[in-house]
Amino acid sequence: MADDDSTCNYDDKDSFNAHASQLYAQGYSCYYFGDDCAMRTGKTTVNIDGDNFSLYFGKYGSSKGTGKVGEEDKKYYNSGKLMSAGGDEKFLVVYS
């Protein structure tokens, strides 16, 4: 479970980007529960520590609520998080 423990490999944006594929390969899935404690599905934007993140979670079947891994609407998601190049970059290498 994610928290503010800095020893976790997913506790900030850079660590999450670097380790999400590894955690997924080990069988972990990401879910998001809103302030109302309801599991989110589909596309959503979440503000974490002042930064907005675009996320996508499965809508149906066994993948309902799980963070999308792969392409959705011509965009690439890793464990639910939209992957994008930084402001100084024109592209981002994505390992899947």
N, C-alpha and C. Protein backbone atom coordinates (compact mmCIF):
# COMPACT_ATOMS: atom_id res chain seq x y z
N MET A 1 0.85 -1.17 0.00
CA MET A 1 0.00 0.00 0.00
C MET A 1 0.90 1.24 0.00
N ALA A 2 0.59 2.19 -0.84
CA ALA A 2 1.39 3.41 -0.95
C ALA A 2 1.16 4.30 0.26
N ASP A 3 2.24 4.90 0.70
CA ASP A 3 2.16 5.85 1.80
C ASP A 3 3.33 6.81 1.67
N ASP A 4 3.64 7.54 2.71
CA ASP A 4 4.74 8.50 2.65
C ASP A 4 6.07 7.92 3.11
N ASP A 5 6.20 6.60 3.12
CA ASP A 5 7.45 5.94 3.49
C ASP A 5 8.39 6.01 2.30
N SER A 6 9.47 6.75 2.42
CA SER A 6 10.37 6.99 1.28
C SER A 6 11.15 5.76 0.86
N THR A 7 11.02 4.64 1.57
CA THR A 7 11.74 3.43 1.18
C THR A 7 11.01 2.64 0.10
N CYS A 8 9.79 3.03 -0.23
CA CYS A 8 9.01 2.31 -1.24
C CYS A 8 9.46 2.69 -2.64
N ASN A 9 9.43 1.73 -3.56
CA ASN A 9 9.86 1.96 -4.93
C ASN A 9 8.81 2.67 -5.79
N TYR A 10 7.76 3.16 -5.20
CA TYR A 10 6.70 3.82 -5.96
C TYR A 10 6.23 5.08 -5.26
N ASP A 11 7.02 5.61 -4.35
CA ASP A 11 6.57 6.68 -3.47
C ASP A 11 6.62 8.07 -4.09
N ASP A 12 7.32 8.23 -5.22
CA ASP A 12 7.30 9.50 -5.93
C ASP A 12 7.26 9.20 -7.43
N LYS A 13 7.06 10.25 -8.23
CA LYS A 13 6.86 10.07 -9.67
C LYS A 13 8.02 9.34 -10.34
N ASP A 14 9.24 9.74 -10.06
CA ASP A 14 10.40 9.12 -10.70
C ASP A 14 10.56 7.66 -10.29
N SER A 15 10.38 7.37 -9.01
CA SER A 15 10.49 5.99 -8.54
C SER A 15 9.37 5.13 -9.12
N PHE A 16 8.17 5.69 -9.18
CA PHE A 16 7.05 4.95 -9.76
C PHE A 16 7.34 4.62 -11.21
N ASN A 17 7.77 5.61 -11.99
CA ASN A 17 8.07 5.38 -13.40
C ASN A 17 9.15 4.31 -13.57
N ALA A 18 10.15 4.32 -12.70
CA ALA A 18 11.27 3.39 -12.81
C ALA A 18 10.90 1.97 -12.39
N HIS A 19 9.94 1.80 -11.49
CA HIS A 19 9.66 0.48 -10.92
C HIS A 19 8.28 -0.10 -11.22
N ALA A 20 7.39 0.65 -11.84
CA ALA A 20 6.02 0.17 -12.05
C ALA A 20 5.98 -1.11 -12.87
N SER A 21 6.77 -1.19 -13.93
CA SER A 21 6.77 -2.39 -14.77
C SER A 21 7.26 -3.61 -13.99
N GLN A 22 8.27 -3.41 -13.16
CA GLN A 22 8.80 -4.50 -12.35
C GLN A 22 7.74 -4.99 -11.35
N LEU A 23 7.06 -4.07 -10.70
CA LEU A 23 6.01 -4.45 -9.75
C LEU A 23 4.87 -5.17 -10.46
N TYR A 24 4.50 -4.70 -11.66
CA TYR A 24 3.44 -5.34 -12.44
C TYR A 24 3.84 -6.76 -12.80
N ALA A 25 5.11 -6.96 -13.21
CA ALA A 25 5.60 -8.29 -13.58
C ALA A 25 5.57 -9.24 -12.38
N GLN A 26 5.65 -8.71 -11.18
CA GLN A 26 5.60 -9.53 -9.97
C GLN A 26 4.16 -9.80 -9.53
N GLY A 27 3.19 -9.31 -10.31
CA GLY A 27 1.79 -9.60 -10.02
C GLY A 27 1.04 -8.51 -9.27
N TYR A 28 1.67 -7.38 -9.03
CA TYR A 28 1.00 -6.28 -8.33
C TYR A 28 0.15 -5.47 -9.31
N SER A 29 -0.97 -4.97 -8.84
CA SER A 29 -1.82 -4.07 -9.62
C SER A 29 -2.07 -2.81 -8.80
N CYS A 30 -2.31 -1.71 -9.50
CA CYS A 30 -2.60 -0.43 -8.84
C CYS A 30 -4.10 -0.15 -8.92
N TYR A 31 -4.65 0.35 -7.85
CA TYR A 31 -6.04 0.76 -7.77
C TYR A 31 -6.07 2.17 -7.18
N TYR A 32 -7.16 2.90 -7.45
CA TYR A 32 -7.32 4.21 -6.83
C TYR A 32 -8.71 4.30 -6.21
N PHE A 33 -8.74 4.70 -4.96
CA PHE A 33 -9.99 4.91 -4.25
C PHE A 33 -10.08 6.38 -3.90
N GLY A 34 -11.16 7.03 -4.30
CA GLY A 34 -11.33 8.47 -4.08
C GLY A 34 -11.59 8.82 -2.63
N ASP A 35 -11.80 10.10 -2.38
CA ASP A 35 -12.07 10.58 -1.02
C ASP A 35 -13.34 9.97 -0.43
N ASP A 36 -14.24 9.52 -1.31
CA ASP A 36 -15.47 8.88 -0.85
C ASP A 36 -15.30 7.38 -0.65
N CYS A 37 -14.07 6.89 -0.78
CA CYS A 37 -13.70 5.48 -0.59
C CYS A 37 -14.21 4.56 -1.70
N ALA A 38 -14.70 5.13 -2.80
CA ALA A 38 -15.17 4.33 -3.92
C ALA A 38 -14.03 4.08 -4.90
N MET A 39 -13.96 2.84 -5.41
CA MET A 39 -12.94 2.50 -6.40
C MET A 39 -13.24 3.24 -7.70
N ARG A 40 -12.24 3.84 -8.29
CA ARG A 40 -12.39 4.58 -9.54
C ARG A 40 -12.14 3.68 -10.74
N THR A 41 -12.87 3.94 -11.81
CA THR A 41 -12.67 3.26 -13.08
C THR A 41 -12.64 4.32 -14.18
N GLY A 42 -12.10 3.95 -15.33
CA GLY A 42 -12.01 4.88 -16.44
C GLY A 42 -10.92 5.91 -16.23
N LYS A 43 -11.02 7.00 -16.97
CA LYS A 43 -10.00 8.06 -16.91
C LYS A 43 -10.31 9.02 -15.78
N THR A 44 -9.28 9.40 -15.05
CA THR A 44 -9.45 10.35 -13.94
C THR A 44 -8.16 11.14 -13.75
N THR A 45 -8.27 12.27 -13.12
CA THR A 45 -7.11 13.09 -12.76
C THR A 45 -7.03 13.18 -11.25
N VAL A 46 -5.84 12.96 -10.72
CA VAL A 46 -5.64 12.95 -9.27
C VAL A 46 -4.56 13.96 -8.92
N ASN A 47 -4.80 14.75 -7.88
CA ASN A 47 -3.81 15.70 -7.39
C ASN A 47 -3.10 15.08 -6.19
N ILE A 48 -1.78 14.88 -6.33
CA ILE A 48 -0.97 14.31 -5.25
C ILE A 48 0.15 15.29 -4.94
N ASP A 49 0.15 15.81 -3.74
CA ASP A 49 1.18 16.76 -3.30
C ASP A 49 1.34 17.93 -4.26
N GLY A 50 0.22 18.43 -4.80
CA GLY A 50 0.25 19.60 -5.68
C GLY A 50 0.49 19.30 -7.14
N ASP A 51 0.75 18.04 -7.49
CA ASP A 51 0.95 17.66 -8.90
C ASP A 51 -0.26 16.89 -9.39
N ASN A 52 -0.74 17.22 -10.61
CA ASN A 52 -1.85 16.49 -11.21
C ASN A 52 -1.33 15.33 -12.04
N PHE A 53 -1.98 14.18 -11.90
CA PHE A 53 -1.63 12.98 -12.65
C PHE A 53 -2.86 12.48 -13.39
N SER A 54 -2.70 12.14 -14.67
CA SER A 54 -3.76 11.52 -15.44
C SER A 54 -3.63 10.02 -15.28
N LEU A 55 -4.73 9.39 -14.90
CA LEU A 55 -4.74 7.95 -14.63
C LEU A 55 -5.87 7.29 -15.40
N TYR A 56 -5.70 5.99 -15.68
CA TYR A 56 -6.77 5.22 -16.33
C TYR A 56 -6.87 3.86 -15.66
N PHE A 57 -8.10 3.49 -15.28
CA PHE A 57 -8.35 2.22 -14.60
C PHE A 57 -9.42 1.45 -15.37
N GLY A 58 -9.24 0.12 -15.43
CA GLY A 58 -10.15 -0.74 -16.17
C GLY A 58 -11.60 -0.53 -15.76
N LYS A 59 -12.49 -0.68 -16.76
CA LYS A 59 -13.91 -0.44 -16.52
C LYS A 59 -14.73 -1.71 -16.34
N TYR A 60 -14.26 -2.84 -16.92
CA TYR A 60 -15.11 -4.02 -16.99
C TYR A 60 -14.36 -5.30 -16.62
N GLY A 61 -15.12 -6.31 -16.25
CA GLY A 61 -14.59 -7.65 -16.06
C GLY A 61 -13.52 -7.76 -14.99
N SER A 62 -12.60 -8.70 -15.21
CA SER A 62 -11.57 -8.97 -14.20
C SER A 62 -10.57 -7.83 -14.07
N SER A 63 -10.51 -6.94 -15.06
CA SER A 63 -9.58 -5.81 -14.97
C SER A 63 -10.25 -4.55 -14.41
N LYS A 64 -11.49 -4.67 -13.96
CA LYS A 64 -12.20 -3.51 -13.43
C LYS A 64 -11.44 -2.92 -12.25
N GLY A 65 -11.12 -1.64 -12.35
CA GLY A 65 -10.44 -0.93 -11.28
C GLY A 65 -8.93 -1.03 -11.29
N THR A 66 -8.36 -1.93 -12.10
CA THR A 66 -6.90 -2.07 -12.12
C THR A 66 -6.28 -1.02 -13.03
N GLY A 67 -5.12 -0.53 -12.64
CA GLY A 67 -4.41 0.46 -13.44
C GLY A 67 -4.05 -0.10 -14.81
N LYS A 68 -4.40 0.62 -15.84
CA LYS A 68 -4.15 0.19 -17.22
C LYS A 68 -2.66 0.04 -17.48
N VAL A 69 -2.29 -1.06 -18.12
CA VAL A 69 -0.92 -1.28 -18.59
C VAL A 69 -1.02 -1.48 -20.09
N GLY A 70 -0.51 -0.51 -20.85
CA GLY A 70 -0.58 -0.58 -22.30
C GLY A 70 -1.30 0.63 -22.88
N GLU A 71 -1.77 0.46 -24.10
CA GLU A 71 -2.35 1.57 -24.84
C GLU A 71 -3.86 1.68 -24.62
N GLU A 72 -4.32 2.89 -24.49
CA GLU A 72 -5.75 3.21 -24.38
C GLU A 72 -5.94 4.58 -25.02
N ASP A 73 -6.82 4.67 -26.02
CA ASP A 73 -7.09 5.93 -26.71
C ASP A 73 -5.81 6.58 -27.25
N LYS A 74 -4.93 5.76 -27.84
CA LYS A 74 -3.67 6.21 -28.46
C LYS A 74 -2.71 6.85 -27.47
N LYS A 75 -2.83 6.48 -26.21
CA LYS A 75 -1.92 6.95 -25.16
C LYS A 75 -1.43 5.72 -24.40
N TYR A 76 -0.20 5.80 -23.83
CA TYR A 76 0.37 4.67 -23.12
C TYR A 76 0.29 4.89 -21.61
N TYR A 77 -0.25 3.89 -20.93
CA TYR A 77 -0.37 3.93 -19.47
C TYR A 77 0.46 2.81 -18.86
N ASN A 78 1.05 3.09 -17.72
CA ASN A 78 1.81 2.08 -16.98
C ASN A 78 1.26 2.04 -15.56
N SER A 79 0.65 0.92 -15.22
CA SER A 79 0.01 0.75 -13.90
C SER A 79 -0.99 1.86 -13.62
N GLY A 80 -1.66 2.31 -14.67
CA GLY A 80 -2.70 3.34 -14.55
C GLY A 80 -2.24 4.75 -14.83
N LYS A 81 -0.95 5.02 -14.73
CA LYS A 81 -0.43 6.38 -14.89
C LYS A 81 -0.10 6.66 -16.35
N LEU A 82 -0.61 7.79 -16.85
CA LEU A 82 -0.29 8.22 -18.21
C LEU A 82 1.20 8.52 -18.29
N MET A 83 1.87 7.89 -19.24
CA MET A 83 3.30 8.11 -19.42
C MET A 83 3.49 9.24 -20.43
N SER A 84 4.35 10.18 -20.10
CA SER A 84 4.60 11.30 -21.01
C SER A 84 6.03 11.77 -20.83
N ALA A 85 6.56 12.34 -21.89
CA ALA A 85 7.92 12.88 -21.84
C ALA A 85 7.92 14.15 -20.98
N GLY A 86 9.06 14.43 -20.37
CA GLY A 86 9.21 15.64 -19.57
C GLY A 86 9.22 16.88 -20.44
N GLY A 87 9.16 18.04 -19.83
CA GLY A 87 9.11 19.31 -20.55
C GLY A 87 10.30 19.56 -21.46
N ASP A 88 11.47 19.04 -21.12
CA ASP A 88 12.67 19.25 -21.93
C ASP A 88 12.91 18.13 -22.93
N GLU A 89 12.03 17.13 -22.96
CA GLU A 89 12.22 15.97 -23.82
C GLU A 89 11.18 15.94 -24.93
N LYS A 90 11.55 15.35 -26.06
CA LYS A 90 10.60 15.21 -27.16
C LYS A 90 10.01 13.81 -27.20
N PHE A 91 10.65 12.85 -26.52
CA PHE A 91 10.13 11.49 -26.48
C PHE A 91 10.51 10.82 -25.17
N LEU A 92 9.84 9.71 -24.89
CA LEU A 92 10.09 8.95 -23.68
C LEU A 92 10.17 7.48 -24.06
N VAL A 93 11.22 6.80 -23.66
CA VAL A 93 11.35 5.37 -23.90
C VAL A 93 10.53 4.64 -22.85
N VAL A 94 9.64 3.75 -23.31
CA VAL A 94 8.77 3.00 -22.41
C VAL A 94 9.12 1.53 -22.52
N TYR A 95 9.43 0.91 -21.40
CA TYR A 95 9.70 -0.53 -21.35
C TYR A 95 8.43 -1.23 -20.94
N SER A 96 8.07 -2.26 -21.68
CA SER A 96 6.87 -3.02 -21.29
C SER A 96 7.14 -4.49 -21.32
